[in-house]
Amino acid sequence: MEMISKIVDLNNTAGLMTQDRDLWITSRYERLHLINILAIQQRLSALESEIDGIVKYEKCFTDGEECGSPLPSERSEEILDEVQKTTKAYGDAIASLMMLKEIESPAPYVVKGLKDNRPSSTLVQKLCEPRIGNDVTPDLLSISTGHRTWFHKFVGRHGRLCRMFQTDEHDKMDHFVHYSEKRLRNAEFGIVAACLCLVQLLPVLALTLVSSKAARLSVIIVLIVVVSVLNAMFANTVRATNFGAIAAYSAIVVVFVSQKD
């Protein structure tokens, strides 16, 4: 009965936490993850209190004073072993919560693909029926697929590009198109890098034709805003080119603003 009451208390607390939209913990079955981490935190708190009691008892025993705390019921080795296990479990729980943000839910195109092409494998049918194809399909697809980037969507809309980025072992009878992630990443990086290089070269050409310092400042400010937007949009794809763009524009500001009319 005590265990049931404890689970109910943790469930109520986790339920309130899941209603807080400011929390970054978003996943299927998030209440179970929260109950797990709350239970581990309670155990860690109990261990900390137990260790404080042992330290107080040992201090009183060493000083020869009367100790109000009871004799420890467990040996130090057992407590240390429990501390190691519990802290490891706590670290694993925190790590799982960090991964949940990336996993969250499958991309819509994956769910649509499974609904349109029902798996024919006997094993898959036994595991998934009768749910696959129903409204709870996303609950069964908590896999790290992620949403497609703009470049993935652009390639997917053009048949010729699809064939260019397909994997070499792609099966024509397969319902899904298997892209080469390496080719996609390289192509995306090349496109973004070329755009940034072009944006860096254009102001140099424009500013050489402008003699007014106010006009130069206006051009520089507009282009810095454009580059900042590009950096924010492609922060995960451009890599070091982001910093190169900022450094280049800083140099442009120094060179052209410092020039005399």
Protein backbone atom coordinates (compact mmCIF):
# COMPACT_ATOMS: atom_id res chain seq x y z
CA MET A 1 0.00 0.00 0.00
CA GLU A 2 2.89 2.33 0.78
CA MET A 3 4.39 1.67 -2.68
CA ILE A 4 1.07 2.43 -4.39
CA SER A 5 0.78 5.72 -2.51
CA LYS A 6 4.35 6.65 -3.49
CA ILE A 7 3.67 5.96 -7.18
CA VAL A 8 0.47 8.01 -7.03
CA ASP A 9 2.33 10.95 -5.49
CA LEU A 10 5.07 10.81 -8.12
CA ASN A 11 2.48 10.47 -10.89
CA ASN A 12 0.62 13.57 -9.68
CA THR A 13 3.83 15.58 -9.54
CA ALA A 14 4.90 14.39 -13.00
CA GLY A 15 1.46 15.22 -14.36
CA LEU A 16 1.77 18.80 -13.14
CA MET A 17 5.26 19.06 -14.62
CA THR A 18 4.07 17.89 -18.05
CA GLN A 19 1.49 20.68 -18.09
CA ASP A 20 4.25 23.28 -17.84
CA ARG A 21 4.96 24.27 -21.44
CA ASP A 22 8.23 25.93 -20.43
CA LEU A 23 9.77 22.53 -19.76
CA TRP A 24 11.97 21.26 -22.59
CA ILE A 25 11.11 17.65 -21.75
CA THR A 26 8.86 16.67 -24.64
CA SER A 27 8.51 13.05 -25.61
CA ARG A 28 6.15 10.15 -25.78
CA TYR A 29 5.62 8.66 -22.32
CA GLU A 30 7.25 11.67 -20.69
CA ARG A 31 5.42 10.98 -17.41
CA LEU A 32 7.29 7.69 -17.03
CA HIS A 33 10.63 9.44 -17.50
CA LEU A 34 9.66 12.07 -14.95
CA ILE A 35 8.48 9.48 -12.43
CA ASN A 36 11.78 7.67 -12.84
CA ILE A 37 13.90 10.75 -12.25
CA LEU A 38 11.75 11.89 -9.31
CA ALA A 39 12.12 8.49 -7.66
CA ILE A 40 15.90 8.57 -8.14
CA GLN A 41 16.06 12.06 -6.69
CA GLN A 42 14.17 10.89 -3.62
CA ARG A 43 16.60 8.02 -3.17
CA LEU A 44 19.57 10.38 -3.54
CA SER A 45 18.07 12.68 -0.92
CA ALA A 46 17.62 9.73 1.46
CA LEU A 47 21.22 8.63 0.87
CA GLU A 48 22.48 12.13 1.55
CA SER A 49 20.57 12.26 4.84
CA GLU A 50 21.88 8.82 5.75
CA ILE A 51 25.47 9.87 5.07
CA ASP A 52 24.99 13.03 7.15
CA GLY A 53 23.78 10.84 10.02
CA ILE A 54 26.83 8.59 9.73
CA VAL A 55 29.20 11.57 9.73
CA LYS A 56 27.47 13.01 12.79
CA TYR A 57 27.59 9.65 14.59
CA GLU A 58 31.29 9.17 13.80
CA LYS A 59 32.10 12.70 15.01
CA CYS A 60 30.29 12.17 18.30
CA PHE A 61 31.93 8.76 18.73
CA THR A 62 35.40 10.22 18.10
CA ASP A 63 34.86 13.14 20.47
CA GLY A 64 33.49 10.84 23.17
CA GLU A 65 30.19 12.67 23.31
CA GLU A 66 26.68 11.28 23.51
CA CYS A 67 25.21 10.96 20.05
CA GLY A 68 21.55 11.53 19.46
CA SER A 69 21.61 9.85 16.05
CA PRO A 70 21.11 6.06 15.98
CA LEU A 71 23.78 3.52 15.08
CA PRO A 72 24.00 3.18 11.27
CA SER A 73 22.11 0.11 10.09
CA GLU A 74 24.30 -0.37 6.99
CA ARG A 75 28.02 -0.66 6.57
CA SER A 76 29.95 2.09 4.81
CA GLU A 77 30.81 -0.21 1.88
CA GLU A 78 27.14 -0.98 1.28
CA ILE A 79 26.19 2.69 1.37
CA LEU A 80 29.00 3.65 -1.00
CA ASP A 81 27.93 0.91 -3.40
CA GLU A 82 24.36 2.20 -3.28
CA VAL A 83 25.57 5.76 -3.88
CA GLN A 84 27.50 4.67 -6.97
CA LYS A 85 24.54 2.77 -8.41
CA THR A 86 22.03 5.54 -7.70
CA THR A 87 24.19 8.36 -9.04
CA LYS A 88 24.85 6.33 -12.20
CA ALA A 89 21.12 5.78 -12.63
CA TYR A 90 20.56 9.50 -12.11
CA GLY A 91 23.17 10.35 -14.73
CA ASP A 92 21.57 7.92 -17.18
CA ALA A 93 18.16 9.49 -16.55
CA ILE A 94 19.52 12.99 -17.19
CA ALA A 95 21.25 11.80 -20.36
CA SER A 96 18.02 10.24 -21.61
CA LEU A 97 16.18 13.51 -21.04
CA MET A 98 18.81 15.32 -23.09
CA MET A 99 18.27 12.89 -25.97
CA LEU A 100 14.49 13.22 -25.83
CA LYS A 101 14.65 16.69 -27.33
CA GLU A 102 16.23 15.28 -30.47
CA ILE A 103 14.07 12.17 -30.64
CA GLU A 104 10.67 13.67 -29.77
CA SER A 105 8.54 12.23 -32.56
CA PRO A 106 9.09 10.94 -36.08
CA ALA A 107 8.94 13.20 -39.08
CA PRO A 108 5.45 13.42 -40.64
CA TYR A 109 6.65 11.89 -43.91
CA VAL A 110 7.70 8.71 -42.03
CA VAL A 111 4.26 8.34 -40.46
CA LYS A 112 2.60 8.97 -43.83
CA GLY A 113 4.85 6.42 -45.50
CA LEU A 114 3.91 3.73 -42.99
CA LYS A 115 0.23 4.51 -43.32
CA ASP A 116 0.35 4.38 -47.13
CA ASN A 117 2.55 1.27 -47.26
CA ARG A 118 1.41 -1.08 -44.54
CA PRO A 119 4.27 -3.39 -43.44
CA SER A 120 3.80 -6.90 -44.79
CA SER A 121 6.24 -8.68 -42.48
CA THR A 122 4.51 -11.24 -40.27
CA LEU A 123 6.63 -10.20 -37.30
CA VAL A 124 5.85 -6.51 -37.80
CA GLN A 125 2.15 -7.26 -38.14
CA LYS A 126 2.12 -9.24 -34.90
CA LEU A 127 3.99 -6.48 -33.07
CA CYS A 128 2.07 -3.54 -34.48
CA GLU A 129 -1.50 -4.67 -35.10
CA PRO A 130 -4.06 -3.33 -34.67
CA ARG A 131 -2.48 0.06 -34.15
CA ILE A 132 -0.43 0.78 -37.27
CA GLY A 133 -2.45 3.10 -39.46
CA ASN A 134 -4.54 4.46 -36.59
CA ASP A 135 -4.23 7.78 -34.80
CA VAL A 136 -1.73 6.34 -32.32
CA THR A 137 0.84 5.53 -35.01
CA PRO A 138 3.19 8.33 -33.84
CA ASP A 139 3.23 6.74 -30.37
CA LEU A 140 4.81 3.63 -31.86
CA LEU A 141 7.37 5.56 -33.87
CA SER A 142 9.45 7.24 -31.18
CA ILE A 143 12.57 6.92 -33.28
CA SER A 144 15.31 9.39 -34.07
CA THR A 145 14.23 10.33 -37.59
CA GLY A 146 14.03 14.07 -37.15
CA HIS A 147 12.39 16.50 -39.54
CA ARG A 148 13.72 16.90 -43.04
CA THR A 149 15.72 20.02 -43.80
CA TRP A 150 14.84 22.41 -46.60
CA PHE A 151 17.39 20.71 -48.85
CA HIS A 152 15.91 17.24 -48.19
CA LYS A 153 12.47 18.55 -49.16
CA PHE A 154 13.82 20.26 -52.27
CA VAL A 155 15.55 17.08 -53.45
CA GLY A 156 12.45 15.01 -52.69
CA ARG A 157 10.30 17.15 -55.01
CA HIS A 158 12.51 16.58 -58.06
CA GLY A 159 12.90 13.13 -59.54
CA ARG A 160 16.24 13.81 -61.21
CA LEU A 161 17.75 15.08 -57.95
CA CYS A 162 16.33 12.06 -56.14
CA ARG A 163 18.20 9.76 -58.48
CA MET A 164 21.40 11.77 -58.01
CA PHE A 165 21.35 11.48 -54.22
CA GLN A 166 20.09 7.90 -53.92
CA THR A 167 22.33 5.33 -52.30
CA ASP A 168 24.09 2.95 -54.66
CA GLU A 169 22.32 -0.08 -53.17
CA HIS A 170 18.85 1.45 -53.50
CA ASP A 171 16.18 -1.15 -54.31
CA LYS A 172 13.74 -0.02 -57.01
CA MET A 173 11.02 -2.18 -55.44
CA ASP A 174 11.35 -0.38 -52.11
CA HIS A 175 8.54 1.98 -51.13
CA PHE A 176 10.98 4.47 -49.62
CA VAL A 177 13.80 6.42 -51.24
CA HIS A 178 17.13 5.95 -49.45
CA TYR A 179 19.29 9.05 -49.76
CA SER A 180 23.01 9.19 -49.16
CA GLU A 181 23.33 11.44 -46.11
CA LYS A 182 26.97 12.14 -46.93
CA ARG A 183 26.09 13.43 -50.41
CA LEU A 184 23.25 15.53 -49.05
CA ARG A 185 25.41 17.10 -46.33
CA ASN A 186 28.24 17.86 -48.75
CA ALA A 187 25.89 19.41 -51.30
CA GLU A 188 24.08 21.46 -48.66
CA PHE A 189 27.37 22.69 -47.22
CA GLY A 190 28.59 23.66 -50.69
CA ILE A 191 25.43 25.62 -51.50
CA VAL A 192 25.42 27.54 -48.23
CA ALA A 193 29.15 28.26 -48.42
CA ALA A 194 28.78 29.55 -52.00
CA CYS A 195 25.91 31.83 -50.93
CA LEU A 196 27.96 33.26 -48.08
CA CYS A 197 30.97 33.83 -50.34
CA LEU A 198 28.75 35.62 -52.84
CA VAL A 199 27.26 37.79 -50.10
CA GLN A 200 30.76 38.66 -48.93
CA LEU A 201 31.99 39.61 -52.40
CA LEU A 202 28.99 41.72 -53.41
CA PRO A 203 29.49 44.43 -50.75
CA VAL A 204 33.12 44.83 -51.76
CA LEU A 205 32.06 45.51 -55.34
CA ALA A 206 29.22 47.78 -54.23
CA LEU A 207 31.26 49.81 -51.76
CA THR A 208 34.00 50.48 -54.29
CA LEU A 209 31.42 52.32 -56.40
CA VAL A 210 30.05 54.37 -53.48
CA SER A 211 31.90 57.45 -52.25
CA SER A 212 29.52 58.66 -49.52
CA LYS A 213 30.41 57.41 -46.05
CA ALA A 214 26.73 57.39 -45.01
CA ALA A 215 25.83 55.24 -48.00
CA ARG A 216 28.67 52.86 -47.21
CA LEU A 217 27.49 52.50 -43.62
CA SER A 218 23.94 51.82 -44.81
CA VAL A 219 25.11 49.11 -47.20
CA ILE A 220 27.28 47.51 -44.52
CA ILE A 221 24.48 47.51 -41.92
CA VAL A 222 22.01 45.90 -44.33
CA LEU A 223 24.50 43.22 -45.34
CA ILE A 224 25.48 42.49 -41.73
CA VAL A 225 21.80 41.90 -40.95
CA VAL A 226 21.52 39.56 -43.95
CA VAL A 227 24.58 37.59 -42.86
CA SER A 228 23.29 37.37 -39.28
CA VAL A 229 20.02 35.91 -40.54
CA LEU A 230 21.92 33.39 -42.66
CA ASN A 231 24.05 32.45 -39.67
CA ALA A 232 20.95 31.86 -37.56
CA MET A 233 19.28 29.77 -40.27
CA PHE A 234 22.29 27.61 -41.12
CA ALA A 235 24.11 27.53 -37.79
CA ASN A 236 24.18 23.72 -37.80
CA THR A 237 25.31 23.33 -41.38
CA VAL A 238 27.74 26.11 -42.25
CA ARG A 239 30.26 25.29 -39.50
CA ALA A 240 33.27 27.59 -39.43
CA THR A 241 32.05 29.59 -42.43
CA ASN A 242 29.74 31.48 -40.05
CA PHE A 243 32.67 32.95 -38.18
CA GLY A 244 34.51 33.64 -41.42
CA ALA A 245 31.58 35.70 -42.65
CA ILE A 246 31.49 37.81 -39.50
CA ALA A 247 35.26 38.37 -39.63
CA ALA A 248 35.07 39.36 -43.29
CA TYR A 249 32.40 41.96 -42.63
CA SER A 250 34.33 43.33 -39.68
CA ALA A 251 37.28 43.84 -42.02
CA ILE A 252 35.02 45.56 -44.55
CA VAL A 253 33.77 47.95 -41.88
CA VAL A 254 37.32 48.84 -40.83
CA VAL A 255 38.60 49.34 -44.37
CA PHE A 256 35.78 51.33 -45.93
CA VAL A 257 34.62 53.37 -42.96
CA SER A 258 38.16 54.47 -42.11
CA GLN A 259 38.76 55.74 -45.64
CA LYS A 260 38.60 59.45 -46.16
CA ASP A 261 36.22 60.96 -48.64
